[in-house]
Amino acid sequence: MVQTAAYLFNRTGFHATSINDISEALGISPAAVYYYFSDKTDLLHHCHLSAIEKSLILAQAADEGGGSGIEKLERYIRSQFHALISKEGTAWVFGDISALKPSQREDIVVRSREVDNFILRFIEQGVADESIAISNPRITEFFMIGALNWVPRWYRPESNLTAEDLTEIFLQFAFDGMRPRRD
């Protein structure tokens, strides 16, 4: 239910997606959805929890792979793109938590900081080991996470772009910049 709801929320938006839409996509009755979730916002909260849990697993795996800061960051980004463009992966990242209840928003913010801190550590390690040359690790982390958070909203499978294609475009932009290199 969470995967299907996340997929629909990402594609059409939380407010434009009804419990009926979700139940139809699952082939069950709306009552079955309400058996597990008190309301649509509760279901959205579980989508966010699932996203954070899965992102944390990817960040931990990227860290455990060793290497320089930029190698860890690249490993995380590659795994996120593979996750984000699959139907199962669309629950992994959400950029907007405003539809959640205040207590749910607070919960998500606290939990998502764990993932944010991994990414920040990768960037800071890269600055320290000189594999990354930036002046503000926190702002760099915000840009990276912000860009990743929107992938489920704009990516369409019919574009025929693979996870590898998107990853290479993103990495070129994020790691090499847009300016031409002059030797």
C-alpha atoms as a PDB file:
ATOM      1  CA  MET A   1       0.000   0.000   0.000  1.00  0.00           C
ATOM      2  CA  VAL A   2       2.795   2.381   0.921  1.00  0.00           C
ATOM      3  CA  GLN A   3       4.620   1.841  -2.398  1.00  0.00           C
ATOM      4  CA  THR A   4       1.477   2.354  -4.448  1.00  0.00           C
ATOM      5  CA  ALA A   5       0.443   5.419  -2.462  1.00  0.00           C
ATOM      6  CA  ALA A   6       3.931   6.920  -2.785  1.00  0.00           C
ATOM      7  CA  TYR A   7       3.941   6.274  -6.516  1.00  0.00           C
ATOM      8  CA  LEU A   8       0.590   8.029  -6.921  1.00  0.00           C
ATOM      9  CA  PHE A   9       1.453  10.882  -4.541  1.00  0.00           C
ATOM     10  CA  ASN A  10       4.669  11.493  -6.466  1.00  0.00           C
ATOM     11  CA  ARG A  11       2.968  11.371  -9.853  1.00  0.00           C
ATOM     12  CA  THR A  12      -0.203  13.370  -9.224  1.00  0.00           C
ATOM     13  CA  GLY A  13       0.410  15.062  -5.875  1.00  0.00           C
ATOM     14  CA  PHE A  14      -0.881  14.300  -2.407  1.00  0.00           C
ATOM     15  CA  HIS A  15      -3.981  16.489  -2.606  1.00  0.00           C
ATOM     16  CA  ALA A  16      -4.954  15.253  -6.078  1.00  0.00           C
ATOM     17  CA  THR A  17      -4.688  11.596  -5.056  1.00  0.00           C
ATOM     18  CA  SER A  18      -7.632  10.087  -3.208  1.00  0.00           C
ATOM     19  CA  ILE A  19      -7.919   6.956  -1.124  1.00  0.00           C
ATOM     20  CA  ASN A  20     -10.183   5.690  -3.907  1.00  0.00           C
ATOM     21  CA  ASP A  21      -7.351   6.206  -6.430  1.00  0.00           C
ATOM     22  CA  ILE A  22      -5.012   4.224  -4.204  1.00  0.00           C
ATOM     23  CA  SER A  23      -7.510   1.435  -3.545  1.00  0.00           C
ATOM     24  CA  GLU A  24      -8.331   1.157  -7.281  1.00  0.00           C
ATOM     25  CA  ALA A  25      -4.637   0.887  -8.139  1.00  0.00           C
ATOM     26  CA  LEU A  26      -4.301  -1.881  -5.543  1.00  0.00           C
ATOM     27  CA  GLY A  27      -7.498  -3.652  -6.554  1.00  0.00           C
ATOM     28  CA  ILE A  28      -8.949  -3.445  -3.043  1.00  0.00           C
ATOM     29  CA  SER A  29     -11.713  -1.493  -1.357  1.00  0.00           C
ATOM     30  CA  PRO A  30     -11.136   1.887   0.300  1.00  0.00           C
ATOM     31  CA  ALA A  31     -12.177   0.235   3.579  1.00  0.00           C
ATOM     32  CA  ALA A  32      -9.164  -2.064   3.293  1.00  0.00           C
ATOM     33  CA  VAL A  33      -6.865   0.954   3.128  1.00  0.00           C
ATOM     34  CA  TYR A  34      -8.589   2.495   6.155  1.00  0.00           C
ATOM     35  CA  TYR A  35      -8.108  -0.761   8.039  1.00  0.00           C
ATOM     36  CA  TYR A  36      -4.345  -0.109   8.035  1.00  0.00           C
ATOM     37  CA  PHE A  37      -4.212   3.703   7.975  1.00  0.00           C
ATOM     38  CA  SER A  38      -6.412   6.125   9.898  1.00  0.00           C
ATOM     39  CA  ASP A  39      -6.506   8.604   7.016  1.00  0.00           C
ATOM     40  CA  LYS A  40      -4.622   9.696   3.907  1.00  0.00           C
ATOM     41  CA  THR A  41      -2.193  11.771   5.977  1.00  0.00           C
ATOM     42  CA  ASP A  42      -1.315   8.712   8.079  1.00  0.00           C
ATOM     43  CA  LEU A  43      -0.568   6.847   4.853  1.00  0.00           C
ATOM     44  CA  LEU A  44       1.597   9.756   3.646  1.00  0.00           C
ATOM     45  CA  HIS A  45       3.487   9.682   6.964  1.00  0.00           C
ATOM     46  CA  HIS A  46       4.244   5.994   6.412  1.00  0.00           C
ATOM     47  CA  CYS A  47       5.442   6.810   2.887  1.00  0.00           C
ATOM     48  CA  HIS A  48       7.913   9.281   4.381  1.00  0.00           C
ATOM     49  CA  LEU A  49       9.040   6.783   7.013  1.00  0.00           C
ATOM     50  CA  SER A  50       9.665   4.193   4.322  1.00  0.00           C
ATOM     51  CA  ALA A  51      11.583   6.750   2.245  1.00  0.00           C
ATOM     52  CA  ILE A  52      13.845   7.661   5.134  1.00  0.00           C
ATOM     53  CA  GLU A  53      14.480   4.061   6.131  1.00  0.00           C
ATOM     54  CA  LYS A  54      15.470   3.089   2.595  1.00  0.00           C
ATOM     55  CA  SER A  55      17.611   6.197   2.082  1.00  0.00           C
ATOM     56  CA  LEU A  56      19.398   5.497   5.348  1.00  0.00           C
ATOM     57  CA  ILE A  57      20.195   1.958   4.203  1.00  0.00           C
ATOM     58  CA  LEU A  58      21.672   3.344   0.964  1.00  0.00           C
ATOM     59  CA  ALA A  59      23.725   5.962   2.828  1.00  0.00           C
ATOM     60  CA  GLN A  60      25.086   3.366   5.255  1.00  0.00           C
ATOM     61  CA  ALA A  61      26.029   1.069   2.369  1.00  0.00           C
ATOM     62  CA  ALA A  62      27.783   3.936   0.572  1.00  0.00           C
ATOM     63  CA  ASP A  63      29.745   4.688   3.729  1.00  0.00           C
ATOM     64  CA  GLU A  64      30.671   1.070   4.363  1.00  0.00           C
ATOM     65  CA  GLY A  65      32.048   0.815   0.813  1.00  0.00           C
ATOM     66  CA  GLY A  66      34.989   2.962   1.908  1.00  0.00           C
ATOM     67  CA  GLY A  67      37.015   5.314  -0.220  1.00  0.00           C
ATOM     68  CA  SER A  68      37.236   9.067  -0.484  1.00  0.00           C
ATOM     69  CA  GLY A  69      34.408  11.436   0.310  1.00  0.00           C
ATOM     70  CA  ILE A  70      33.529  11.903  -3.340  1.00  0.00           C
ATOM     71  CA  GLU A  71      33.544   8.127  -3.911  1.00  0.00           C
ATOM     72  CA  LYS A  72      31.070   7.623  -1.062  1.00  0.00           C
ATOM     73  CA  LEU A  73      28.893  10.468  -2.311  1.00  0.00           C
ATOM     74  CA  GLU A  74      28.920   9.118  -5.860  1.00  0.00           C
ATOM     75  CA  ARG A  75      28.055   5.609  -4.624  1.00  0.00           C
ATOM     76  CA  TYR A  76      25.097   7.020  -2.682  1.00  0.00           C
ATOM     77  CA  ILE A  77      23.866   9.094  -5.628  1.00  0.00           C
ATOM     78  CA  ARG A  78      24.111   6.142  -8.023  1.00  0.00           C
ATOM     79  CA  SER A  79      22.128   3.900  -5.688  1.00  0.00           C
ATOM     80  CA  GLN A  80      19.508   6.609  -5.108  1.00  0.00           C
ATOM     81  CA  PHE A  81      18.936   7.134  -8.835  1.00  0.00           C
ATOM     82  CA  HIS A  82      18.485   3.402  -9.335  1.00  0.00           C
ATOM     83  CA  ALA A  83      15.985   3.394  -6.481  1.00  0.00           C
ATOM     84  CA  LEU A  84      14.171   6.576  -7.445  1.00  0.00           C
ATOM     85  CA  ILE A  85      13.242   5.719 -11.004  1.00  0.00           C
ATOM     86  CA  SER A  86      11.725   2.336 -10.240  1.00  0.00           C
ATOM     87  CA  LYS A  87       8.099   2.133  -9.183  1.00  0.00           C
ATOM     88  CA  GLU A  88       9.215   0.568  -5.915  1.00  0.00           C
ATOM     89  CA  GLY A  89      11.693   3.352  -5.312  1.00  0.00           C
ATOM     90  CA  THR A  90       9.360   6.293  -5.623  1.00  0.00           C
ATOM     91  CA  ALA A  91       8.573   6.079  -1.919  1.00  0.00           C
ATOM     92  CA  TRP A  92      12.145   6.760  -1.043  1.00  0.00           C
ATOM     93  CA  VAL A  93      12.324  10.495  -1.244  1.00  0.00           C
ATOM     94  CA  PHE A  94       9.748  13.251  -0.811  1.00  0.00           C
ATOM     95  CA  GLY A  95      10.533  16.945  -0.899  1.00  0.00           C
ATOM     96  CA  ASP A  96       7.369  18.341   0.677  1.00  0.00           C
ATOM     97  CA  ILE A  97       6.181  17.468   4.171  1.00  0.00           C
ATOM     98  CA  SER A  98       3.668  20.313   4.510  1.00  0.00           C
ATOM     99  CA  ALA A  99       0.649  18.013   4.158  1.00  0.00           C
ATOM    100  CA  LEU A 100       1.632  16.104   7.282  1.00  0.00           C
ATOM    101  CA  LYS A 101       0.295  16.880  10.743  1.00  0.00           C
ATOM    102  CA  PRO A 102       2.699  18.955  12.899  1.00  0.00           C
ATOM    103  CA  SER A 103       3.777  15.966  15.016  1.00  0.00           C
ATOM    104  CA  GLN A 104       4.358  13.902  11.876  1.00  0.00           C
ATOM    105  CA  ARG A 105       6.406  16.698  10.268  1.00  0.00           C
ATOM    106  CA  GLU A 106       8.535  16.928  13.392  1.00  0.00           C
ATOM    107  CA  ASP A 107       9.088  13.159  13.330  1.00  0.00           C
ATOM    108  CA  ILE A 108      10.112  13.192   9.663  1.00  0.00           C
ATOM    109  CA  VAL A 109      12.479  16.135  10.090  1.00  0.00           C
ATOM    110  CA  VAL A 110      14.252  14.437  12.997  1.00  0.00           C
ATOM    111  CA  ARG A 111      14.546  11.105  11.177  1.00  0.00           C
ATOM    112  CA  SER A 112      15.629  12.602   7.851  1.00  0.00           C
ATOM    113  CA  ARG A 113      18.530  14.370   9.543  1.00  0.00           C
ATOM    114  CA  GLU A 114      20.222  10.977   9.866  1.00  0.00           C
ATOM    115  CA  VAL A 115      20.422  10.679   6.076  1.00  0.00           C
ATOM    116  CA  ASP A 116      21.332  14.349   5.701  1.00  0.00           C
ATOM    117  CA  ASN A 117      24.190  13.877   8.156  1.00  0.00           C
ATOM    118  CA  PHE A 118      25.613  10.965   6.160  1.00  0.00           C
ATOM    119  CA  ILE A 119      25.624  13.092   3.000  1.00  0.00           C
ATOM    120  CA  LEU A 120      27.155  16.014   4.869  1.00  0.00           C
ATOM    121  CA  ARG A 121      29.878  13.736   6.286  1.00  0.00           C
ATOM    122  CA  PHE A 122      30.669  12.440   2.784  1.00  0.00           C
ATOM    123  CA  ILE A 123      31.057  16.024   1.572  1.00  0.00           C
ATOM    124  CA  GLU A 124      33.109  17.082   4.584  1.00  0.00           C
ATOM    125  CA  GLN A 125      35.325  14.014   4.190  1.00  0.00           C
ATOM    126  CA  GLY A 126      35.760  14.926   0.520  1.00  0.00           C
ATOM    127  CA  VAL A 127      36.815  18.449   1.462  1.00  0.00           C
ATOM    128  CA  ALA A 128      39.274  17.039   4.017  1.00  0.00           C
ATOM    129  CA  ASP A 129      40.735  14.451   1.626  1.00  0.00           C
ATOM    130  CA  GLU A 130      40.674  17.025  -1.217  1.00  0.00           C
ATOM    131  CA  SER A 131      38.428  14.929  -3.470  1.00  0.00           C
ATOM    132  CA  ILE A 132      35.817  17.720  -3.237  1.00  0.00           C
ATOM    133  CA  ALA A 133      36.576  21.423  -3.650  1.00  0.00           C
ATOM    134  CA  ILE A 134      33.669  23.465  -2.291  1.00  0.00           C
ATOM    135  CA  SER A 135      33.441  26.234   0.272  1.00  0.00           C
ATOM    136  CA  ASN A 136      30.211  25.355   2.111  1.00  0.00           C
ATOM    137  CA  PRO A 137      29.498  21.650   2.753  1.00  0.00           C
ATOM    138  CA  ARG A 138      26.053  22.254   4.321  1.00  0.00           C
ATOM    139  CA  ILE A 139      24.739  24.270   1.371  1.00  0.00           C
ATOM    140  CA  THR A 140      26.210  21.715  -1.036  1.00  0.00           C
ATOM    141  CA  GLU A 141      24.362  18.984   0.851  1.00  0.00           C
ATOM    142  CA  PHE A 142      21.109  20.986   0.648  1.00  0.00           C
ATOM    143  CA  PHE A 143      21.486  21.327  -3.127  1.00  0.00           C
ATOM    144  CA  MET A 144      22.216  17.614  -3.582  1.00  0.00           C
ATOM    145  CA  ILE A 145      19.329  16.415  -1.430  1.00  0.00           C
ATOM    146  CA  GLY A 146      16.983  18.996  -2.941  1.00  0.00           C
ATOM    147  CA  ALA A 147      17.749  17.805  -6.453  1.00  0.00           C
ATOM    148  CA  LEU A 148      17.288  14.153  -5.507  1.00  0.00           C
ATOM    149  CA  ASN A 149      14.016  14.881  -3.692  1.00  0.00           C
ATOM    150  CA  TRP A 150      12.365  16.074  -6.885  1.00  0.00           C
ATOM    151  CA  VAL A 151      13.294  13.163  -9.154  1.00  0.00           C
ATOM    152  CA  PRO A 152      10.100  11.176  -8.430  1.00  0.00           C
ATOM    153  CA  ARG A 153       8.008  14.249  -9.337  1.00  0.00           C
ATOM    154  CA  TRP A 154       9.469  14.889 -12.790  1.00  0.00           C
ATOM    155  CA  TYR A 155      10.875  11.558 -13.977  1.00  0.00           C
ATOM    156  CA  ARG A 156       8.706   9.658 -16.440  1.00  0.00           C
ATOM    157  CA  PRO A 157       9.543   6.085 -17.506  1.00  0.00           C
ATOM    158  CA  GLU A 158       8.445   6.860 -21.064  1.00  0.00           C
ATOM    159  CA  SER A 159      11.398   9.260 -21.362  1.00  0.00           C
ATOM    160  CA  ASN A 160      13.553   6.161 -21.963  1.00  0.00           C
ATOM    161  CA  LEU A 161      16.269   7.556 -19.687  1.00  0.00           C
ATOM    162  CA  THR A 162      17.822   4.847 -17.563  1.00  0.00           C
ATOM    163  CA  ALA A 163      19.092   5.212 -14.021  1.00  0.00           C
ATOM    164  CA  GLU A 164      22.599   5.204 -15.480  1.00  0.00           C
ATOM    165  CA  ASP A 165      21.723   8.020 -17.925  1.00  0.00           C
ATOM    166  CA  LEU A 166      20.245  10.170 -15.179  1.00  0.00           C
ATOM    167  CA  THR A 167      23.085   9.432 -12.804  1.00  0.00           C
ATOM    168  CA  GLU A 168      25.705  10.457 -15.353  1.00  0.00           C
ATOM    169  CA  ILE A 169      23.863  13.696 -16.150  1.00  0.00           C
ATOM    170  CA  PHE A 170      23.478  14.491 -12.450  1.00  0.00           C
ATOM    171  CA  LEU A 171      27.078  13.616 -11.585  1.00  0.00           C
ATOM    172  CA  GLN A 172      28.435  15.648 -14.478  1.00  0.00           C
ATOM    173  CA  PHE A 173      26.412  18.641 -13.367  1.00  0.00           C
ATOM    174  CA  ALA A 174      27.051  18.219  -9.640  1.00  0.00           C
ATOM    175  CA  PHE A 175      30.708  17.199  -9.773  1.00  0.00           C
ATOM    176  CA  ASP A 176      31.970  18.979 -12.899  1.00  0.00           C
ATOM    177  CA  GLY A 177      29.697  22.017 -13.070  1.00  0.00           C
ATOM    178  CA  MET A 178      28.275  23.715 -16.121  1.00  0.00           C
ATOM    179  CA  ARG A 179      31.162  25.939 -17.140  1.00  0.00           C
ATOM    180  CA  PRO A 180      33.482  24.735 -19.867  1.00  0.00           C
ATOM    181  CA  ARG A 181      36.952  23.805 -18.651  1.00  0.00           C
ATOM    182  CA  ARG A 182      39.766  25.889 -19.995  1.00  0.00           C
ATOM    183  CA  ASP A 183      43.207  24.353 -19.939  1.00  0.00           C
END
